[in-house]
């Protein structure tokens, strides 16, 4: 059973995600980047009908908080994307626009989407911003490139813009902590993505290609996982693989403890607002329904014993 702390860390993650990350799916963002000269959002068939981001504009807009940096820096900060896709994508993006222009387009698109869905002054906006800023201000900086890049931008100075920036800070801080957690655990990007698919309950190879990895990349990663006893020959994760993947999430929760401690007993009040806002964003078509229930609150067989990918493999061998 997860502890209350783990549950709360993941409740915050789930509630913040569509509010902060709706900008990657909102029609306002697709239109803004296309107006700058990027390709339109690709027509992705799917039951949710949500348009996915065009990747050059995605890499450039999200990575711009780091500066007008080369793609190698963006690939390192994002963590799970194939650098062979990120590096040329960022290079192409900087030939289309500059940092300040795309940061402004991103901000305007995010606030336009949130205003469309929630209204100009949703109830509790000032209080939500206050609590999110308190949480973001308590977050440690070391090792958190995306979070620190966002900090460098300051706050826009508008009610909706400030709330969105604070939500994005909280989201990207956990993302940075997550990359730290799986990298320290000895996994590479493809391995952690393949383990995550089964952990989330989606079919093998359903999500990993969206991060730019090829069939050959996934074949090789599954072979590595199978040799370690973390995946089966039919590409399902084993008990040891699930334990290792849960360990990554537990470590991430622990790295977010300063954020949760800063909120304290006010977490429930924050989530009373963010949860329905997130549902409204999903229902309005600005965040994928496919991912709505994916961010599970634990339930794995292992919690916080310090597993790495190799010690998980040893656990599998001992039980075999």
Protein backbone atom coordinates (compact mmCIF):
# COMPACT_ATOMS: atom_id res chain seq x y z
CA UNK A 1 0.00 0.00 0.00
CA UNK A 2 1.27 3.48 -0.78
CA UNK A 3 1.79 5.91 2.03
CA UNK A 4 -0.34 9.00 2.33
CA UNK A 5 2.67 11.02 1.25
CA UNK A 6 3.04 9.08 -2.02
CA UNK A 7 -0.66 9.41 -2.69
CA UNK A 8 -0.57 13.16 -2.12
CA UNK A 9 2.50 13.63 -4.31
CA UNK A 10 0.74 11.84 -7.16
CA UNK A 11 -2.56 13.61 -6.60
CA UNK A 12 -0.74 16.91 -7.04
CA UNK A 13 1.03 15.60 -10.15
CA UNK A 14 -2.27 14.47 -11.70
CA UNK A 15 -4.10 17.72 -10.96
CA UNK A 16 -1.35 20.03 -12.22
CA UNK A 17 -0.64 18.10 -15.43
CA UNK A 18 -3.52 19.21 -17.73
CA UNK A 19 -3.43 22.78 -16.39
CA UNK A 20 0.28 23.18 -17.12
CA UNK A 21 0.59 20.91 -20.16
CA UNK A 22 -2.61 21.72 -22.00
CA UNK A 23 -0.51 24.19 -24.00
CA UNK A 24 0.99 21.27 -25.91
CA UNK A 25 -2.41 20.20 -27.24
CA UNK A 26 -4.52 23.37 -27.30
CA UNK A 27 -5.65 24.62 -30.72
CA UNK A 28 -4.55 28.12 -29.66
CA UNK A 29 -0.95 26.90 -29.43
CA UNK A 30 -1.01 25.04 -32.73
CA UNK A 31 -2.35 28.16 -34.46
CA UNK A 32 0.20 30.44 -32.78
CA UNK A 33 3.18 28.34 -33.83
CA UNK A 34 1.85 27.89 -37.35
CA UNK A 35 1.56 31.68 -37.60
CA UNK A 36 5.27 31.90 -36.82
CA UNK A 37 6.07 29.58 -39.71
CA UNK A 38 6.05 26.14 -38.11
CA UNK A 39 4.20 23.25 -39.70
CA UNK A 40 0.61 22.72 -38.55
CA UNK A 41 -0.28 20.17 -35.93
CA UNK A 42 -0.24 16.73 -37.53
CA UNK A 43 -3.59 15.07 -38.09
CA UNK A 44 -3.36 12.23 -35.59
CA UNK A 45 -6.23 9.79 -35.76
CA UNK A 46 -7.54 8.69 -32.39
CA UNK A 47 -10.62 8.27 -30.28
CA UNK A 48 -9.95 11.43 -28.29
CA UNK A 49 -9.75 13.68 -31.36
CA UNK A 50 -6.94 15.73 -29.79
CA UNK A 51 -4.32 17.23 -32.10
CA UNK A 52 -0.79 16.36 -31.07
CA UNK A 53 2.02 18.95 -31.18
CA UNK A 54 4.19 19.50 -34.20
CA UNK A 55 7.55 18.45 -32.84
CA UNK A 56 9.83 21.26 -34.04
CA UNK A 57 7.59 23.83 -32.37
CA UNK A 58 7.24 21.59 -29.30
CA UNK A 59 10.99 21.21 -28.80
CA UNK A 60 11.63 24.90 -29.45
CA UNK A 61 8.77 26.33 -27.38
CA UNK A 62 9.21 24.11 -24.34
CA UNK A 63 13.01 24.28 -24.48
CA UNK A 64 13.15 28.07 -24.92
CA UNK A 65 13.09 28.59 -21.15
CA UNK A 66 16.68 27.27 -21.20
CA UNK A 67 17.76 30.01 -23.62
CA UNK A 68 18.26 29.93 -27.36
CA UNK A 69 20.31 26.78 -26.83
CA UNK A 70 21.33 23.97 -29.19
CA UNK A 71 19.30 20.80 -29.44
CA UNK A 72 21.82 18.81 -27.43
CA UNK A 73 20.93 20.86 -24.36
CA UNK A 74 17.20 20.45 -24.98
CA UNK A 75 17.58 16.67 -25.44
CA UNK A 76 19.46 16.39 -22.14
CA UNK A 77 16.85 18.41 -20.27
CA UNK A 78 13.83 16.59 -21.74
CA UNK A 79 15.42 13.23 -20.98
CA UNK A 80 13.26 10.67 -22.76
CA UNK A 81 13.32 11.98 -26.33
CA UNK A 82 15.64 10.58 -28.97
CA UNK A 83 18.44 13.14 -29.47
CA UNK A 84 18.53 12.22 -33.18
CA UNK A 85 15.08 13.79 -33.43
CA UNK A 86 15.50 16.62 -30.93
CA UNK A 87 18.78 18.07 -32.21
CA UNK A 88 17.70 18.71 -35.83
CA UNK A 89 14.24 19.73 -34.66
CA UNK A 90 15.64 22.47 -32.44
CA UNK A 91 18.08 23.58 -35.12
CA UNK A 92 15.20 23.93 -37.57
CA UNK A 93 13.09 25.73 -34.96
CA UNK A 94 15.71 28.42 -34.39
CA UNK A 95 15.80 29.04 -38.12
CA UNK A 96 12.08 29.84 -37.98
CA UNK A 97 11.88 32.00 -34.86
CA UNK A 98 13.79 33.29 -31.85
CA UNK A 99 13.49 32.65 -28.14
CA UNK A 100 11.52 35.72 -27.09
CA UNK A 101 9.02 35.38 -29.91
CA UNK A 102 8.16 31.76 -29.23
CA UNK A 103 8.07 32.25 -25.46
CA UNK A 104 5.51 35.02 -25.95
CA UNK A 105 3.48 32.86 -28.34
CA UNK A 106 3.53 30.01 -25.84
CA UNK A 107 2.39 32.24 -22.97
CA UNK A 108 -0.40 33.81 -24.99
CA UNK A 109 -1.60 30.42 -26.23
CA UNK A 110 -1.65 28.89 -22.75
CA UNK A 111 -3.54 31.76 -21.18
CA UNK A 112 -5.98 31.91 -24.10
CA UNK A 113 -6.76 28.21 -23.71
CA UNK A 114 -7.21 28.47 -19.95
CA UNK A 115 -9.43 31.53 -20.31
CA UNK A 116 -11.54 29.79 -22.96
CA UNK A 117 -12.08 26.76 -20.75
CA UNK A 118 -12.19 28.26 -17.24
CA UNK A 119 -13.27 31.85 -17.86
CA UNK A 120 -11.30 35.02 -17.20
CA UNK A 121 -11.58 34.84 -13.43
CA UNK A 122 -12.40 31.31 -12.30
CA UNK A 123 -13.34 31.02 -8.66
CA UNK A 124 -10.26 30.60 -6.50
CA UNK A 125 -7.76 31.79 -9.13
CA UNK A 126 -5.81 34.05 -6.78
CA UNK A 127 -5.68 31.41 -4.04
CA UNK A 128 -4.58 28.68 -6.47
CA UNK A 129 -1.82 30.95 -7.74
CA UNK A 130 -0.72 31.71 -4.20
CA UNK A 131 -0.50 28.03 -3.29
CA UNK A 132 1.23 26.97 -6.50
CA UNK A 133 3.77 29.77 -6.12
CA UNK A 134 4.41 28.73 -2.55
CA UNK A 135 5.04 25.18 -3.71
CA UNK A 136 7.25 26.29 -6.60
CA UNK A 137 9.27 28.63 -4.38
CA UNK A 138 10.06 25.75 -2.02
CA UNK A 139 11.36 23.50 -4.79
CA UNK A 140 15.14 22.87 -4.78
CA UNK A 141 17.08 23.95 -7.86
CA UNK A 142 20.07 21.53 -8.16
CA UNK A 143 19.74 19.15 -11.09
CA UNK A 144 16.49 20.73 -12.27
CA UNK A 145 17.29 22.34 -15.60
CA UNK A 146 13.75 22.81 -16.90
CA UNK A 147 12.45 24.14 -13.59
CA UNK A 148 15.37 26.56 -13.26
CA UNK A 149 14.94 27.72 -16.84
CA UNK A 150 11.32 28.55 -16.11
CA UNK A 151 12.36 30.40 -12.95
CA UNK A 152 14.56 32.62 -15.10
CA UNK A 153 11.48 33.87 -16.97
CA UNK A 154 9.80 35.33 -13.91
CA UNK A 155 6.01 35.72 -13.81
CA UNK A 156 3.95 37.32 -16.60
CA UNK A 157 2.10 39.68 -14.27
CA UNK A 158 -1.45 38.70 -15.28
CA UNK A 159 -3.78 36.61 -13.09
CA UNK A 160 -4.09 33.67 -15.50
CA UNK A 161 -0.52 33.93 -16.72
CA UNK A 162 0.87 33.83 -13.20
CA UNK A 163 -1.24 30.79 -12.30
CA UNK A 164 -0.11 28.94 -15.43
CA UNK A 165 3.56 29.78 -14.87
CA UNK A 166 3.35 28.51 -11.28
CA UNK A 167 1.66 25.30 -12.43
CA UNK A 168 4.32 24.83 -15.11
CA UNK A 169 7.08 25.28 -12.52
CA UNK A 170 5.56 22.58 -10.30
CA UNK A 171 5.11 20.25 -13.29
CA UNK A 172 8.60 20.71 -14.70
CA UNK A 173 10.19 20.31 -11.27
CA UNK A 174 8.65 16.88 -10.90
CA UNK A 175 9.69 16.09 -14.46
CA UNK A 176 13.28 16.99 -13.64
CA UNK A 177 13.11 14.85 -10.49
CA UNK A 178 11.73 11.97 -12.55
CA UNK A 179 14.67 12.10 -14.98
CA UNK A 180 17.07 12.14 -12.04
CA UNK A 181 15.32 9.11 -10.56
CA UNK A 182 15.47 6.81 -13.57
CA UNK A 183 18.94 7.90 -14.58
CA UNK A 184 20.30 7.20 -11.08
CA UNK A 185 18.48 3.86 -11.16
CA UNK A 186 20.53 2.81 -14.19
CA UNK A 187 17.85 2.87 -16.90
CA UNK A 188 18.16 4.56 -20.26
CA UNK A 189 15.40 6.53 -21.95
CA UNK A 190 14.05 3.70 -24.12
CA UNK A 191 14.06 1.20 -21.25
CA UNK A 192 12.16 3.47 -18.91
CA UNK A 193 9.59 4.30 -21.59
CA UNK A 194 8.94 0.64 -22.36
CA UNK A 195 8.59 -0.18 -18.67
CA UNK A 196 6.28 2.78 -18.24
CA UNK A 197 3.89 1.58 -20.94
CA UNK A 198 3.04 -1.63 -19.09
CA UNK A 199 3.13 0.21 -15.74
CA UNK A 200 0.52 2.61 -17.12
CA UNK A 201 -1.53 -0.20 -18.64
CA UNK A 202 -1.07 0.72 -22.30
CA UNK A 203 0.12 -1.74 -24.98
CA UNK A 204 3.81 -2.28 -25.60
CA UNK A 205 5.28 0.20 -28.10
CA UNK A 206 2.16 2.37 -27.94
CA UNK A 207 3.83 5.44 -26.39
CA UNK A 208 7.60 5.11 -26.88
CA UNK A 209 7.56 5.96 -30.63
CA UNK A 210 6.08 9.37 -29.77
CA UNK A 211 9.45 10.18 -28.22
CA UNK A 212 11.26 9.53 -31.48
CA UNK A 213 12.51 5.98 -30.86
CA UNK A 214 12.54 3.47 -33.71
CA UNK A 215 11.59 -0.20 -33.87
CA UNK A 216 15.29 -1.06 -33.79
CA UNK A 217 15.76 1.05 -30.64
CA UNK A 218 12.82 -0.67 -28.95
CA UNK A 219 13.92 -4.16 -30.07
CA UNK A 220 17.35 -3.62 -28.49
CA UNK A 221 15.90 -2.17 -25.29
CA UNK A 222 13.47 -5.06 -24.85
CA UNK A 223 16.34 -7.49 -25.31
CA UNK A 224 18.26 -5.72 -22.53
CA UNK A 225 15.24 -5.79 -20.24
CA UNK A 226 14.60 -9.46 -20.98
CA UNK A 227 18.22 -10.39 -20.18
CA UNK A 228 17.84 -8.68 -16.82
CA UNK A 229 14.55 -10.41 -16.08
CA UNK A 230 12.59 -7.17 -16.16
CA UNK A 231 10.51 -7.98 -19.24
CA UNK A 232 9.20 -11.17 -20.81
CA UNK A 233 9.70 -12.46 -24.33
CA UNK A 234 6.20 -11.21 -25.20
CA UNK A 235 7.18 -7.69 -24.06
CA UNK A 236 5.39 -7.56 -20.73
CA UNK A 237 7.14 -6.38 -17.58
CA UNK A 238 7.86 -8.90 -14.87
CA UNK A 239 7.29 -8.46 -11.15
CA UNK A 240 10.89 -7.25 -10.83
CA UNK A 241 10.39 -4.83 -13.72
CA UNK A 242 7.26 -3.45 -12.12
CA UNK A 243 9.06 -3.10 -8.79
CA UNK A 244 11.85 -1.14 -10.43
CA UNK A 245 9.41 1.11 -12.26
CA UNK A 246 7.50 1.78 -9.07
CA UNK A 247 10.79 2.56 -7.34
CA UNK A 248 11.38 5.31 -9.90
CA UNK A 249 8.03 6.84 -8.98
CA UNK A 250 8.73 6.54 -5.26
CA UNK A 251 12.09 8.25 -5.66
CA UNK A 252 10.41 11.00 -7.66
CA UNK A 253 7.82 11.44 -4.91
CA UNK A 254 10.60 11.75 -2.33
CA UNK A 255 12.47 14.36 -4.38
CA UNK A 256 9.25 16.40 -4.39
CA UNK A 257 8.92 16.35 -0.60
CA UNK A 258 9.87 20.06 -0.20
CA UNK A 259 7.05 20.98 -2.58
CA UNK A 260 4.49 18.92 -0.67
CA UNK A 261 5.77 20.12 2.71
CA UNK A 262 5.35 23.72 1.59
CA UNK A 263 1.68 23.07 0.81
CA UNK A 264 1.04 21.13 3.99
CA UNK A 265 -2.61 20.98 4.96
CA UNK A 266 -3.51 23.37 2.13
CA UNK A 267 -3.01 20.64 -0.47
CA UNK A 268 -6.66 19.55 -0.34
CA UNK A 269 -7.83 23.12 -0.85
CA UNK A 270 -5.57 23.45 -3.88
CA UNK A 271 -6.81 20.20 -5.38
CA UNK A 272 -10.44 21.17 -4.85
CA UNK A 273 -9.85 23.77 -7.55
CA UNK A 274 -7.26 22.06 -9.76
CA UNK A 275 -9.06 18.73 -10.10
CA UNK A 276 -12.22 20.15 -11.73
CA UNK A 277 -10.13 22.57 -13.80
CA UNK A 278 -8.13 19.64 -15.15
CA UNK A 279 -11.30 17.72 -15.94
CA UNK A 280 -12.68 20.75 -17.77
CA UNK A 281 -9.49 21.09 -19.84
CA UNK A 282 -9.69 17.42 -20.82
CA UNK A 283 -13.39 17.67 -21.64
CA UNK A 284 -12.73 20.77 -23.76
CA UNK A 285 -10.25 18.91 -25.96
CA UNK A 286 -7.07 20.58 -24.73
CA UNK A 287 -5.50 17.55 -23.08
CA UNK A 288 -5.72 13.94 -24.25
CA UNK A 289 -8.41 11.75 -22.75
CA UNK A 290 -6.11 8.82 -23.50
CA UNK A 291 -3.76 10.03 -20.77
CA UNK A 292 -6.44 11.06 -18.31
CA UNK A 293 -6.22 7.96 -16.11
CA UNK A 294 -2.67 6.97 -16.90
CA UNK A 295 -0.96 8.63 -13.95
CA UNK A 296 -1.85 5.92 -11.47
CA UNK A 297 -1.47 6.35 -7.74
CA UNK A 298 0.92 3.52 -7.02
CA UNK A 299 -0.29 0.00 -6.52
CA UNK A 300 3.00 -1.65 -7.45
CA UNK A 301 4.65 -4.35 -5.37
CA UNK A 302 7.56 -2.30 -4.10
CA UNK A 303 7.91 0.99 -2.29
CA UNK A 304 11.12 2.82 -1.63
CA UNK A 305 13.78 0.18 -0.95
CA UNK A 306 16.35 1.70 -3.29
CA UNK A 307 16.12 -0.65 -6.25
CA UNK A 308 18.23 0.03 -9.32
CA UNK A 309 17.73 -1.69 -12.63
CA UNK A 310 20.48 -4.15 -11.71
CA UNK A 311 19.33 -4.90 -8.16
CA UNK A 312 15.83 -5.46 -9.54
CA UNK A 313 17.37 -7.96 -11.97
CA UNK A 314 19.07 -9.70 -9.02
CA UNK A 315 15.71 -9.85 -7.24
CA UNK A 316 14.28 -11.57 -10.31
CA UNK A 317 17.13 -14.10 -10.40
CA UNK A 318 16.68 -14.95 -6.72
CA UNK A 319 13.01 -15.70 -7.24
CA UNK A 320 13.55 -17.67 -10.45
